[in-house]
Amino acid sequence: MDYVRIIRNLREDADMTQTQIAQILGTSQTMYARYERGASEMPIHHLVTLCRFYHVSADYILGLSERK
């Protein structure tokens, strides 16, 4: 599974909207939607923020490990 599906699944499992996650990342909902679609690559500082927020490893989000 690629990271675009993983970040969408994590967001949906947390019952969060794209707008809420975008606010956590300090970006717009439009930009965050582009990350979830794979239209734009997510900056590393956003990856770190999502790892901390969801309490998962970067390897998990990147699809390198099934272990959260």
N, C-alpha and C. Protein backbone atom coordinates (compact mmCIF):
# COMPACT_ATOMS: atom_id res chain seq x y z
N MET A 1 0.85 -1.18 0.00
CA MET A 1 0.00 0.00 0.00
C MET A 1 0.89 1.24 0.00
N ASP A 2 0.56 2.20 -0.81
CA ASP A 2 1.37 3.41 -0.87
C ASP A 2 0.93 4.43 0.17
N TYR A 3 1.79 5.40 0.39
CA TYR A 3 1.53 6.33 1.49
C TYR A 3 0.27 7.16 1.30
N VAL A 4 -0.16 7.40 0.06
CA VAL A 4 -1.38 8.21 -0.12
C VAL A 4 -2.60 7.49 0.44
N ARG A 5 -2.65 6.19 0.26
CA ARG A 5 -3.77 5.43 0.85
C ARG A 5 -3.63 5.35 2.36
N ILE A 6 -2.42 5.21 2.82
CA ILE A 6 -2.19 5.07 4.27
C ILE A 6 -2.58 6.35 5.01
N ILE A 7 -2.19 7.51 4.48
CA ILE A 7 -2.55 8.75 5.20
C ILE A 7 -4.06 8.99 5.14
N ARG A 8 -4.70 8.59 4.06
CA ARG A 8 -6.16 8.71 4.00
C ARG A 8 -6.81 7.77 5.01
N ASN A 9 -6.34 6.52 5.07
CA ASN A 9 -6.89 5.55 6.02
C ASN A 9 -6.69 6.00 7.46
N LEU A 10 -5.51 6.51 7.77
CA LEU A 10 -5.25 7.00 9.13
C LEU A 10 -6.21 8.14 9.48
N ARG A 11 -6.40 9.05 8.55
CA ARG A 11 -7.31 10.19 8.79
C ARG A 11 -8.73 9.71 9.00
N GLU A 12 -9.19 8.82 8.13
CA GLU A 12 -10.56 8.31 8.25
C GLU A 12 -10.75 7.50 9.52
N ASP A 13 -9.76 6.69 9.90
CA ASP A 13 -9.84 5.91 11.14
C ASP A 13 -9.91 6.82 12.36
N ALA A 14 -9.31 8.00 12.26
CA ALA A 14 -9.34 8.96 13.37
C ALA A 14 -10.58 9.87 13.31
N ASP A 15 -11.47 9.62 12.33
CA ASP A 15 -12.67 10.44 12.14
C ASP A 15 -12.33 11.92 12.01
N MET A 16 -11.32 12.19 11.21
CA MET A 16 -10.87 13.57 10.98
C MET A 16 -11.17 13.96 9.54
N THR A 17 -11.37 15.25 9.32
CA THR A 17 -11.56 15.75 7.96
C THR A 17 -10.21 16.19 7.39
N GLN A 18 -10.18 16.36 6.09
CA GLN A 18 -8.96 16.88 5.46
C GLN A 18 -8.64 18.27 6.01
N THR A 19 -9.65 19.05 6.26
CA THR A 19 -9.44 20.40 6.79
C THR A 19 -8.78 20.35 8.17
N GLN A 20 -9.23 19.44 9.02
CA GLN A 20 -8.65 19.32 10.36
C GLN A 20 -7.18 18.92 10.29
N ILE A 21 -6.86 17.95 9.43
CA ILE A 21 -5.47 17.51 9.30
C ILE A 21 -4.63 18.62 8.69
N ALA A 22 -5.18 19.33 7.71
CA ALA A 22 -4.46 20.45 7.10
C ALA A 22 -4.11 21.50 8.15
N GLN A 23 -5.03 21.77 9.07
CA GLN A 23 -4.76 22.74 10.14
C GLN A 23 -3.62 22.26 11.03
N ILE A 24 -3.59 20.97 11.34
CA ILE A 24 -2.51 20.41 12.16
C ILE A 24 -1.17 20.57 11.45
N LEU A 25 -1.19 20.40 10.13
CA LEU A 25 0.04 20.50 9.34
C LEU A 25 0.41 21.95 9.02
N GLY A 26 -0.52 22.87 9.21
CA GLY A 26 -0.26 24.26 8.88
C GLY A 26 -0.29 24.51 7.38
N THR A 27 -1.17 23.80 6.69
CA THR A 27 -1.31 23.97 5.25
C THR A 27 -2.79 24.09 4.91
N SER A 28 -3.10 24.24 3.66
CA SER A 28 -4.50 24.36 3.25
C SER A 28 -5.13 22.99 3.03
N GLN A 29 -6.45 22.95 3.06
CA GLN A 29 -7.16 21.71 2.78
C GLN A 29 -6.87 21.26 1.35
N THR A 30 -6.79 22.21 0.45
CA THR A 30 -6.52 21.90 -0.96
C THR A 30 -5.17 21.21 -1.11
N MET A 31 -4.16 21.73 -0.43
CA MET A 31 -2.84 21.13 -0.51
C MET A 31 -2.84 19.74 0.11
N TYR A 32 -3.49 19.60 1.26
CA TYR A 32 -3.54 18.27 1.90
C TYR A 32 -4.27 17.27 0.99
N ALA A 33 -5.34 17.70 0.33
CA ALA A 33 -6.06 16.82 -0.60
C ALA A 33 -5.14 16.36 -1.72
N ARG A 34 -4.25 17.24 -2.15
CA ARG A 34 -3.27 16.86 -3.19
C ARG A 34 -2.33 15.77 -2.68
N TYR A 35 -1.96 15.82 -1.40
CA TYR A 35 -1.13 14.75 -0.82
C TYR A 35 -1.89 13.42 -0.85
N GLU A 36 -3.15 13.46 -0.45
CA GLU A 36 -3.95 12.22 -0.41
C GLU A 36 -4.22 11.65 -1.80
N ARG A 37 -4.24 12.49 -2.81
CA ARG A 37 -4.44 12.02 -4.18
C ARG A 37 -3.12 11.61 -4.84
N GLY A 38 -2.02 11.99 -4.24
CA GLY A 38 -0.73 11.71 -4.84
C GLY A 38 -0.35 12.72 -5.91
N ALA A 39 -1.07 13.84 -5.98
CA ALA A 39 -0.79 14.87 -6.97
C ALA A 39 0.42 15.71 -6.58
N SER A 40 0.73 15.77 -5.28
CA SER A 40 1.90 16.47 -4.76
C SER A 40 2.57 15.58 -3.73
N GLU A 41 3.89 15.67 -3.68
CA GLU A 41 4.61 14.91 -2.66
C GLU A 41 4.57 15.68 -1.35
N MET A 42 4.39 14.94 -0.29
CA MET A 42 4.30 15.54 1.04
C MET A 42 5.70 15.85 1.56
N PRO A 43 5.94 17.06 2.05
CA PRO A 43 7.24 17.40 2.62
C PRO A 43 7.54 16.55 3.86
N ILE A 44 8.80 16.34 4.09
CA ILE A 44 9.24 15.49 5.21
C ILE A 44 8.75 16.04 6.55
N HIS A 45 8.68 17.37 6.71
CA HIS A 45 8.23 17.91 8.00
C HIS A 45 6.75 17.58 8.24
N HIS A 46 5.97 17.44 7.18
CA HIS A 46 4.58 17.01 7.35
C HIS A 46 4.52 15.53 7.71
N LEU A 47 5.40 14.74 7.13
CA LEU A 47 5.48 13.31 7.49
C LEU A 47 5.77 13.16 8.98
N VAL A 48 6.72 13.91 9.48
CA VAL A 48 7.08 13.85 10.90
C VAL A 48 5.88 14.26 11.76
N THR A 49 5.20 15.31 11.38
CA THR A 49 4.02 15.77 12.14
C THR A 49 2.94 14.71 12.16
N LEU A 50 2.67 14.07 11.01
CA LEU A 50 1.65 13.02 10.97
C LEU A 50 2.06 11.82 11.82
N CYS A 51 3.33 11.46 11.81
CA CYS A 51 3.80 10.35 12.64
C CYS A 51 3.54 10.64 14.11
N ARG A 52 3.84 11.83 14.53
CA ARG A 52 3.61 12.21 15.93
C ARG A 52 2.12 12.26 16.25
N PHE A 53 1.34 12.82 15.34
CA PHE A 53 -0.10 12.95 15.58
C PHE A 53 -0.78 11.58 15.68
N TYR A 54 -0.47 10.69 14.74
CA TYR A 54 -1.11 9.38 14.71
C TYR A 54 -0.39 8.33 15.57
N HIS A 55 0.76 8.68 16.13
CA HIS A 55 1.56 7.75 16.93
C HIS A 55 1.94 6.50 16.13
N VAL A 56 2.46 6.74 14.93
CA VAL A 56 2.93 5.65 14.06
C VAL A 56 4.33 6.01 13.57
N SER A 57 5.02 5.01 13.04
CA SER A 57 6.36 5.25 12.51
C SER A 57 6.29 5.78 11.08
N ALA A 58 7.36 6.43 10.67
CA ALA A 58 7.46 6.87 9.28
C ALA A 58 7.46 5.66 8.35
N ASP A 59 8.10 4.57 8.77
CA ASP A 59 8.11 3.36 7.95
C ASP A 59 6.68 2.87 7.69
N TYR A 60 5.82 3.00 8.67
CA TYR A 60 4.43 2.58 8.49
C TYR A 60 3.75 3.46 7.45
N ILE A 61 3.86 4.76 7.60
CA ILE A 61 3.21 5.67 6.65
C ILE A 61 3.76 5.47 5.25
N LEU A 62 5.06 5.22 5.13
CA LEU A 62 5.67 5.04 3.82
C LEU A 62 5.43 3.65 3.22
N GLY A 63 4.79 2.80 3.98
CA GLY A 63 4.49 1.47 3.48
C GLY A 63 5.64 0.50 3.54
N LEU A 64 6.65 0.82 4.33
CA LEU A 64 7.83 -0.03 4.45
C LEU A 64 7.68 -1.07 5.56
N SER A 65 6.71 -0.85 6.43
CA SER A 65 6.47 -1.76 7.54
C SER A 65 4.97 -1.81 7.82
N GLU A 66 4.51 -2.96 8.22
CA GLU A 66 3.11 -3.08 8.63
C GLU A 66 2.93 -2.76 10.10
N ARG A 67 4.05 -2.67 10.82
CA ARG A 67 4.03 -2.34 12.24
C ARG A 67 3.89 -0.84 12.43
N LYS A 68 2.89 -0.46 13.18
CA LYS A 68 2.67 0.98 13.43
C LYS A 68 3.71 1.49 14.41
